[in-house]
PDB file of N, CA and C in Angstrom:
ATOM      1  N   MET A   1       0.820  -1.187   0.000  1.00  0.00           N
ATOM      2  CA  MET A   1       0.000   0.000   0.000  1.00  0.00           C
ATOM      3  C   MET A   1       0.866   1.253   0.000  1.00  0.00           C
ATOM      4  N   LEU A   2       1.944   1.222   0.766  1.00  0.00           N
ATOM      5  CA  LEU A   2       2.834   2.374   0.819  1.00  0.00           C
ATOM      6  C   LEU A   2       3.539   2.580  -0.514  1.00  0.00           C
ATOM      7  N   THR A   3       3.942   1.493  -1.163  1.00  0.00           N
ATOM      8  CA  THR A   3       4.606   1.632  -2.461  1.00  0.00           C
ATOM      9  C   THR A   3       3.644   2.164  -3.512  1.00  0.00           C
ATOM     10  N   LYS A   4       2.371   1.770  -3.433  1.00  0.00           N
ATOM     11  CA  LYS A   4       1.370   2.304  -4.360  1.00  0.00           C
ATOM     12  C   LYS A   4       1.194   3.808  -4.147  1.00  0.00           C
ATOM     13  N   PHE A   5       1.168   4.227  -2.865  1.00  0.00           N
ATOM     14  CA  PHE A   5       1.033   5.650  -2.555  1.00  0.00           C
ATOM     15  C   PHE A   5       2.233   6.429  -3.084  1.00  0.00           C
ATOM     16  N   ILE A   6       3.432   5.891  -2.930  1.00  0.00           N
ATOM     17  CA  ILE A   6       4.635   6.576  -3.401  1.00  0.00           C
ATOM     18  C   ILE A   6       4.635   6.680  -4.920  1.00  0.00           C
ATOM     19  N   LEU A   7       4.233   5.611  -5.612  1.00  0.00           N
ATOM     20  CA  LEU A   7       4.165   5.656  -7.076  1.00  0.00           C
ATOM     21  C   LEU A   7       3.113   6.650  -7.551  1.00  0.00           C
ATOM     22  N   ASP A   8       1.960   6.686  -6.882  1.00  0.00           N
ATOM     23  CA  ASP A   8       0.925   7.659  -7.243  1.00  0.00           C
ATOM     24  C   ASP A   8       1.395   9.086  -6.969  1.00  0.00           C
ATOM     25  N   TYR A   9       2.151   9.266  -5.884  1.00  0.00           N
ATOM     26  CA  TYR A   9       2.657  10.593  -5.545  1.00  0.00           C
ATOM     27  C   TYR A   9       3.635  11.083  -6.610  1.00  0.00           C
ATOM     28  N   LYS A  10       4.463  10.185  -7.120  1.00  0.00           N
ATOM     29  CA  LYS A  10       5.446  10.577  -8.140  1.00  0.00           C
ATOM     30  C   LYS A  10       4.778  10.913  -9.465  1.00  0.00           C
ATOM     31  N   LYS A  11       3.602  10.363  -9.718  1.00  0.00           N
ATOM     32  CA  LYS A  11       2.885  10.636 -10.962  1.00  0.00           C
ATOM     33  C   LYS A  11       2.137  11.961 -10.926  1.00  0.00           C
ATOM     34  N   LYS A  12       1.952  12.539  -9.761  1.00  0.00           N
ATOM     35  CA  LYS A  12       1.160  13.754  -9.619  1.00  0.00           C
ATOM     36  C   LYS A  12       1.913  14.964 -10.157  1.00  0.00           C
ATOM     37  N   SER A  13       1.129  15.923 -10.635  1.00  0.00           N
ATOM     38  CA  SER A  13       1.719  17.180 -11.085  1.00  0.00           C
ATOM     39  C   SER A  13       2.073  18.024  -9.860  1.00  0.00           C
ATOM     40  N   LEU A  14       2.728  19.131 -10.104  1.00  0.00           N
ATOM     41  CA  LEU A  14       3.125  20.011  -9.006  1.00  0.00           C
ATOM     42  C   LEU A  14       1.899  20.560  -8.279  1.00  0.00           C
ATOM     43  N   LYS A  15       0.861  20.886  -9.017  1.00  0.00           N
ATOM     44  CA  LYS A  15      -0.370  21.399  -8.415  1.00  0.00           C
ATOM     45  C   LYS A  15      -1.015  20.342  -7.521  1.00  0.00           C
ATOM     46  N   GLU A  16      -1.067  19.092  -7.987  1.00  0.00           N
ATOM     47  CA  GLU A  16      -1.662  18.027  -7.187  1.00  0.00           C
ATOM     48  C   GLU A  16      -0.838  17.729  -5.943  1.00  0.00           C
ATOM     49  N   ARG A  17       0.481  17.819  -6.045  1.00  0.00           N
ATOM     50  CA  ARG A  17       1.331  17.619  -4.868  1.00  0.00           C
ATOM     51  C   ARG A  17       1.110  18.722  -3.849  1.00  0.00           C
ATOM     52  N   PHE A  18       0.960  19.956  -4.329  1.00  0.00           N
ATOM     53  CA  PHE A  18       0.704  21.078  -3.430  1.00  0.00           C
ATOM     54  C   PHE A  18      -0.635  20.896  -2.722  1.00  0.00           C
ATOM     55  N   LEU A  19      -1.666  20.472  -3.439  1.00  0.00           N
ATOM     56  CA  LEU A  19      -2.973  20.258  -2.829  1.00  0.00           C
ATOM     57  C   LEU A  19      -2.930  19.109  -1.828  1.00  0.00           C
ATOM     58  N   LEU A  20      -2.154  18.084  -2.106  1.00  0.00           N
ATOM     59  CA  LEU A  20      -1.977  16.981  -1.156  1.00  0.00           C
ATOM     60  C   LEU A  20      -1.308  17.490   0.116  1.00  0.00           C
ATOM     61  N   PHE A  21      -0.270  18.294  -0.049  1.00  0.00           N
ATOM     62  CA  PHE A  21       0.436  18.846   1.104  1.00  0.00           C
ATOM     63  C   PHE A  21      -0.479  19.742   1.929  1.00  0.00           C
ATOM     64  N   THR A  22      -1.256  20.605   1.291  1.00  0.00           N
ATOM     65  CA  THR A  22      -2.144  21.488   2.045  1.00  0.00           C
ATOM     66  C   THR A  22      -3.269  20.704   2.720  1.00  0.00           C
ATOM     67  N   GLY A  23      -3.742  19.627   2.083  1.00  0.00           N
ATOM     68  CA  GLY A  23      -4.756  18.794   2.720  1.00  0.00           C
ATOM     69  C   GLY A  23      -4.243  18.157   3.988  1.00  0.00           C
ATOM     70  N   ILE A  24      -3.040  17.628   3.938  1.00  0.00           N
ATOM     71  CA  ILE A  24      -2.435  17.023   5.127  1.00  0.00           C
ATOM     72  C   ILE A  24      -2.131  18.086   6.180  1.00  0.00           C
ATOM     73  N   LEU A  25      -1.674  19.254   5.730  1.00  0.00           N
ATOM     74  CA  LEU A  25      -1.371  20.335   6.662  1.00  0.00           C
ATOM     75  C   LEU A  25      -2.612  20.791   7.426  1.00  0.00           C
ATOM     76  N   PHE A  26      -3.730  20.976   6.724  1.00  0.00           N
ATOM     77  CA  PHE A  26      -4.945  21.419   7.412  1.00  0.00           C
ATOM     78  C   PHE A  26      -5.525  20.331   8.308  1.00  0.00           C
ATOM     79  N   PHE A  27      -5.340  19.061   7.941  1.00  0.00           N
ATOM     80  CA  PHE A  27      -5.729  17.981   8.839  1.00  0.00           C
ATOM     81  C   PHE A  27      -4.961  18.101  10.149  1.00  0.00           C
ATOM     82  N   LEU A  28      -3.665  18.310  10.056  1.00  0.00           N
ATOM     83  CA  LEU A  28      -2.840  18.432  11.269  1.00  0.00           C
ATOM     84  C   LEU A  28      -3.180  19.685  12.065  1.00  0.00           C
ATOM     85  N   ILE A  29      -3.514  20.782  11.369  1.00  0.00           N
ATOM     86  CA  ILE A  29      -3.876  22.017  12.061  1.00  0.00           C
ATOM     87  C   ILE A  29      -5.161  21.833  12.860  1.00  0.00           C
ATOM     88  N   TYR A  30      -6.204  21.276  12.239  1.00  0.00           N
ATOM     89  CA  TYR A  30      -7.458  21.060  12.954  1.00  0.00           C
ATOM     90  C   TYR A  30      -7.299  20.062  14.095  1.00  0.00           C
ATOM     91  N   LEU A  31      -6.517  19.023  13.877  1.00  0.00           N
ATOM     92  CA  LEU A  31      -6.274  18.039  14.929  1.00  0.00           C
ATOM     93  C   LEU A  31      -5.558  18.682  16.114  1.00  0.00           C
ATOM     94  N   THR A  32      -4.527  19.458  15.835  1.00  0.00           N
ATOM     95  CA  THR A  32      -3.777  20.132  16.895  1.00  0.00           C
ATOM     96  C   THR A  32      -4.639  21.153  17.619  1.00  0.00           C
ATOM     97  N   LEU A  33      -5.443  21.910  16.876  1.00  0.00           N
ATOM     98  CA  LEU A  33      -6.312  22.905  17.502  1.00  0.00           C
ATOM     99  C   LEU A  33      -7.334  22.241  18.416  1.00  0.00           C
ATOM    100  N   GLY A  34      -7.866  21.099  17.993  1.00  0.00           N
ATOM    101  CA  GLY A  34      -8.798  20.371  18.847  1.00  0.00           C
ATOM    102  C   GLY A  34      -8.144  19.913  20.133  1.00  0.00           C
ATOM    103  N   LEU A  35      -6.926  19.406  20.048  1.00  0.00           N
ATOM    104  CA  LEU A  35      -6.213  18.970  21.251  1.00  0.00           C
ATOM    105  C   LEU A  35      -5.849  20.144  22.150  1.00  0.00           C
ATOM    106  N   VAL A  36      -5.501  21.274  21.550  1.00  0.00           N
ATOM    107  CA  VAL A  36      -5.167  22.472  22.332  1.00  0.00           C
ATOM    108  C   VAL A  36      -6.385  22.956  23.100  1.00  0.00           C
ATOM    109  N   VAL A  37      -7.538  22.983  22.451  1.00  0.00           N
ATOM    110  CA  VAL A  37      -8.757  23.444  23.119  1.00  0.00           C
ATOM    111  C   VAL A  37      -9.105  22.522  24.285  1.00  0.00           C
ATOM    112  N   ILE A  38      -8.898  21.240  24.128  1.00  0.00           N
ATOM    113  CA  ILE A  38      -9.247  20.300  25.198  1.00  0.00           C
ATOM    114  C   ILE A  38      -8.300  20.411  26.387  1.00  0.00           C
ATOM    115  N   PHE A  39      -7.004  20.469  26.146  1.00  0.00           N
ATOM    116  CA  PHE A  39      -6.048  20.303  27.234  1.00  0.00           C
ATOM    117  C   PHE A  39      -5.503  21.594  27.845  1.00  0.00           C
ATOM    118  N   TRP A  40      -5.640  22.734  27.192  1.00  0.00           N
ATOM    119  CA  TRP A  40      -5.140  23.975  27.787  1.00  0.00           C
ATOM    120  C   TRP A  40      -6.298  24.774  28.366  1.00  0.00           C
ATOM    121  N   ASN A  41      -6.107  25.246  29.587  1.00  0.00           N
ATOM    122  CA  ASN A  41      -7.157  26.033  30.226  1.00  0.00           C
ATOM    123  C   ASN A  41      -7.323  27.394  29.557  1.00  0.00           C
ATOM    124  N   LEU A  42      -6.220  28.085  29.362  1.00  0.00           N
ATOM    125  CA  LEU A  42      -6.243  29.373  28.667  1.00  0.00           C
ATOM    126  C   LEU A  42      -5.538  29.207  27.338  1.00  0.00           C
ATOM    127  N   LEU A  43      -6.225  29.510  26.262  1.00  0.00           N
ATOM    128  CA  LEU A  43      -5.632  29.353  24.945  1.00  0.00           C
ATOM    129  C   LEU A  43      -4.538  30.394  24.732  1.00  0.00           C
ATOM    130  N   PRO A  44      -3.409  30.001  24.187  1.00  0.00           N
ATOM    131  CA  PRO A  44      -2.287  30.934  24.037  1.00  0.00           C
ATOM    132  C   PRO A  44      -2.396  31.803  22.795  1.00  0.00           C
ATOM    133  N   ILE A  45      -3.574  31.951  22.220  1.00  0.00           N
ATOM    134  CA  ILE A  45      -3.717  32.747  21.001  1.00  0.00           C
ATOM    135  C   ILE A  45      -4.291  34.123  21.280  1.00  0.00           C
ATOM    136  N   GLY A  46      -4.288  34.537  22.534  1.00  0.00           N
ATOM    137  CA  GLY A  46      -4.745  35.868  22.875  1.00  0.00           C
ATOM    138  C   GLY A  46      -6.218  35.929  23.227  1.00  0.00           C
ATOM    139  N   LEU A  47      -6.933  34.854  23.061  1.00  0.00           N
ATOM    140  CA  LEU A  47      -8.338  34.827  23.427  1.00  0.00           C
ATOM    141  C   LEU A  47      -8.461  34.328  24.849  1.00  0.00           C
ATOM    142  N   ASN A  48      -9.219  35.025  25.629  1.00  0.00           N
ATOM    143  CA  ASN A  48      -9.430  34.607  27.001  1.00  0.00           C
ATOM    144  C   ASN A  48     -10.782  33.899  27.064  1.00  0.00           C
ATOM    145  N   LEU A  49     -10.810  32.657  26.641  1.00  0.00           N
ATOM    146  CA  LEU A  49     -12.048  31.894  26.636  1.00  0.00           C
ATOM    147  C   LEU A  49     -12.162  31.133  27.949  1.00  0.00           C
ATOM    148  N   ASN A  50     -13.029  31.598  28.796  1.00  0.00           N
ATOM    149  CA  ASN A  50     -13.255  30.907  30.068  1.00  0.00           C
ATOM    150  C   ASN A  50     -14.439  29.966  29.891  1.00  0.00           C
ATOM    151  N   MET A  51     -14.232  28.929  29.117  1.00  0.00           N
ATOM    152  CA  MET A  51     -15.282  27.966  28.847  1.00  0.00           C
ATOM    153  C   MET A  51     -15.262  26.887  29.924  1.00  0.00           C
ATOM    154  N   PRO A  52     -16.429  26.401  30.302  1.00  0.00           N
ATOM    155  CA  PRO A  52     -16.446  25.246  31.206  1.00  0.00           C
ATOM    156  C   PRO A  52     -15.815  24.030  30.530  1.00  0.00           C
ATOM    157  N   LEU A  53     -15.369  23.094  31.358  1.00  0.00           N
ATOM    158  CA  LEU A  53     -14.638  21.934  30.854  1.00  0.00           C
ATOM    159  C   LEU A  53     -15.457  21.121  29.862  1.00  0.00           C
ATOM    160  N   LYS A  54     -16.741  20.923  30.127  1.00  0.00           N
ATOM    161  CA  LYS A  54     -17.543  20.088  29.230  1.00  0.00           C
ATOM    162  C   LYS A  54     -17.705  20.736  27.859  1.00  0.00           C
ATOM    163  N   TYR A  55     -17.755  22.074  27.781  1.00  0.00           N
ATOM    164  CA  TYR A  55     -17.856  22.748  26.483  1.00  0.00           C
ATOM    165  C   TYR A  55     -16.526  22.732  25.739  1.00  0.00           C
ATOM    166  N   ARG A  56     -15.425  22.850  26.496  1.00  0.00           N
ATOM    167  CA  ARG A  56     -14.106  22.748  25.856  1.00  0.00           C
ATOM    168  C   ARG A  56     -13.893  21.369  25.264  1.00  0.00           C
ATOM    169  N   ILE A  57     -14.277  20.336  25.989  1.00  0.00           N
ATOM    170  CA  ILE A  57     -14.121  18.975  25.482  1.00  0.00           C
ATOM    171  C   ILE A  57     -15.017  18.754  24.266  1.00  0.00           C
ATOM    172  N   ALA A  58     -16.244  19.244  24.324  1.00  0.00           N
ATOM    173  CA  ALA A  58     -17.166  19.075  23.195  1.00  0.00           C
ATOM    174  C   ALA A  58     -16.638  19.803  21.957  1.00  0.00           C
ATOM    175  N   PHE A  59     -16.144  21.017  22.118  1.00  0.00           N
ATOM    176  CA  PHE A  59     -15.615  21.779  20.992  1.00  0.00           C
ATOM    177  C   PHE A  59     -14.343  21.136  20.438  1.00  0.00           C
ATOM    178  N   GLY A  60     -13.480  20.651  21.326  1.00  0.00           N
ATOM    179  CA  GLY A  60     -12.259  19.988  20.890  1.00  0.00           C
ATOM    180  C   GLY A  60     -12.544  18.695  20.138  1.00  0.00           C
ATOM    181  N   VAL A  61     -13.482  17.904  20.632  1.00  0.00           N
ATOM    182  CA  VAL A  61     -13.852  16.662  19.955  1.00  0.00           C
ATOM    183  C   VAL A  61     -14.486  16.978  18.601  1.00  0.00           C
ATOM    184  N   LEU A  62     -15.285  18.022  18.541  1.00  0.00           N
ATOM    185  CA  LEU A  62     -15.882  18.437  17.273  1.00  0.00           C
ATOM    186  C   LEU A  62     -14.809  18.815  16.254  1.00  0.00           C
ATOM    187  N   LEU A  63     -13.789  19.529  16.679  1.00  0.00           N
ATOM    188  CA  LEU A  63     -12.689  19.880  15.777  1.00  0.00           C
ATOM    189  C   LEU A  63     -11.916  18.649  15.318  1.00  0.00           C
ATOM    190  N   ILE A  64     -11.692  17.704  16.207  1.00  0.00           N
ATOM    191  CA  ILE A  64     -10.965  16.488  15.849  1.00  0.00           C
ATOM    192  C   ILE A  64     -11.775  15.642  14.870  1.00  0.00           C
ATOM    193  N   VAL A  65     -13.072  15.503  15.112  1.00  0.00           N
ATOM    194  CA  VAL A  65     -13.930  14.746  14.199  1.00  0.00           C
ATOM    195  C   VAL A  65     -13.970  15.427  12.840  1.00  0.00           C
ATOM    196  N   TYR A  66     -14.050  16.760  12.834  1.00  0.00           N
ATOM    197  CA  TYR A  66     -14.049  17.494  11.575  1.00  0.00           C
ATOM    198  C   TYR A  66     -12.738  17.305  10.813  1.00  0.00           C
ATOM    199  N   SER A  67     -11.624  17.251  11.537  1.00  0.00           N
ATOM    200  CA  SER A  67     -10.345  17.049  10.857  1.00  0.00           C
ATOM    201  C   SER A  67     -10.292  15.681  10.190  1.00  0.00           C
ATOM    202  N   PHE A  68     -10.798  14.644  10.861  1.00  0.00           N
ATOM    203  CA  PHE A  68     -10.820  13.319  10.245  1.00  0.00           C
ATOM    204  C   PHE A  68     -11.804  13.261   9.085  1.00  0.00           C
ATOM    205  N   PHE A  69     -12.921  13.977   9.202  1.00  0.00           N
ATOM    206  CA  PHE A  69     -13.881  14.040   8.105  1.00  0.00           C
ATOM    207  C   PHE A  69     -13.246  14.671   6.874  1.00  0.00           C
ATOM    208  N   ARG A  70     -12.514  15.768   7.050  1.00  0.00           N
ATOM    209  CA  ARG A  70     -11.823  16.410   5.927  1.00  0.00           C
ATOM    210  C   ARG A  70     -10.756  15.496   5.340  1.00  0.00           C
ATOM    211  N   PHE A  71     -10.039  14.795   6.195  1.00  0.00           N
ATOM    212  CA  PHE A  71      -8.972  13.889   5.757  1.00  0.00           C
ATOM    213  C   PHE A  71      -9.539  12.763   4.896  1.00  0.00           C
ATOM    214  N   ILE A  72     -10.601  12.137   5.357  1.00  0.00           N
ATOM    215  CA  ILE A  72     -11.216  11.036   4.600  1.00  0.00           C
ATOM    216  C   ILE A  72     -11.820  11.545   3.303  1.00  0.00           C
ATOM    217  N   ARG A  73     -12.525  12.664   3.359  1.00  0.00           N
ATOM    218  CA  ARG A  73     -13.148  13.220   2.152  1.00  0.00           C
ATOM    219  C   ARG A  73     -12.101  13.643   1.135  1.00  0.00           C
ATOM    220  N   PHE A  74     -10.980  14.190   1.609  1.00  0.00           N
ATOM    221  CA  PHE A  74      -9.923  14.628   0.716  1.00  0.00           C
ATOM    222  C   PHE A  74      -9.306  13.453  -0.028  1.00  0.00           C
ATOM    223  N   PHE A  75      -9.013  12.374   0.687  1.00  0.00           N
ATOM    224  CA  PHE A  75      -8.367  11.228   0.037  1.00  0.00           C
ATOM    225  C   PHE A  75      -9.345  10.417  -0.805  1.00  0.00           C
ATOM    226  N   ASN A  76     -10.623  10.436  -0.471  1.00  0.00           N
ATOM    227  CA  ASN A  76     -11.599   9.757  -1.323  1.00  0.00           C
ATOM    228  C   ASN A  76     -11.805  10.512  -2.625  1.00  0.00           C
ATOM    229  N   SER A  77     -11.668  11.824  -2.606  1.00  0.00           N
ATOM    230  CA  SER A  77     -11.832  12.605  -3.829  1.00  0.00           C
ATOM    231  C   SER A  77     -10.606  12.509  -4.728  1.00  0.00           C
ATOM    232  N   ASN A  78      -9.448  12.153  -4.174  1.00  0.00           N
ATOM    233  CA  ASN A  78      -8.224  12.076  -4.962  1.00  0.00           C
ATOM    234  C   ASN A  78      -7.975  10.711  -5.587  1.00  0.00           C
ATOM    235  N   THR A  79      -8.714   9.710  -5.179  1.00  0.00           N
ATOM    236  CA  THR A  79      -8.497   8.388  -5.754  1.00  0.00           C
ATOM    237  C   THR A  79      -9.160   8.316  -7.123  1.00  0.00           C
ATOM    238  N   ASN A  80      -8.425   7.832  -8.094  1.00  0.00           N
ATOM    239  CA  ASN A  80      -8.945   7.723  -9.459  1.00  0.00           C
ATOM    240  C   ASN A  80      -9.069   6.283  -9.860  1.00  0.00           C
TER     241      ASN A  80
END
């Protein structure tokens, strides 16, 4: 499976490689943001969100689920 992925990656144009990279990058960004919201009390991005724990966990899980949804949808759309 890995060798098939590498061969398909080498066949892609520069534009398709860039879109693959940005898809993976945004998956990692949403995943990291979801984990940050869950585990940090005060977000280090300048927002002072004093959310209760259950809302932080719900929002973080929602971001993580959304990241996996984007990841699966992205790779299903790229398979030919």
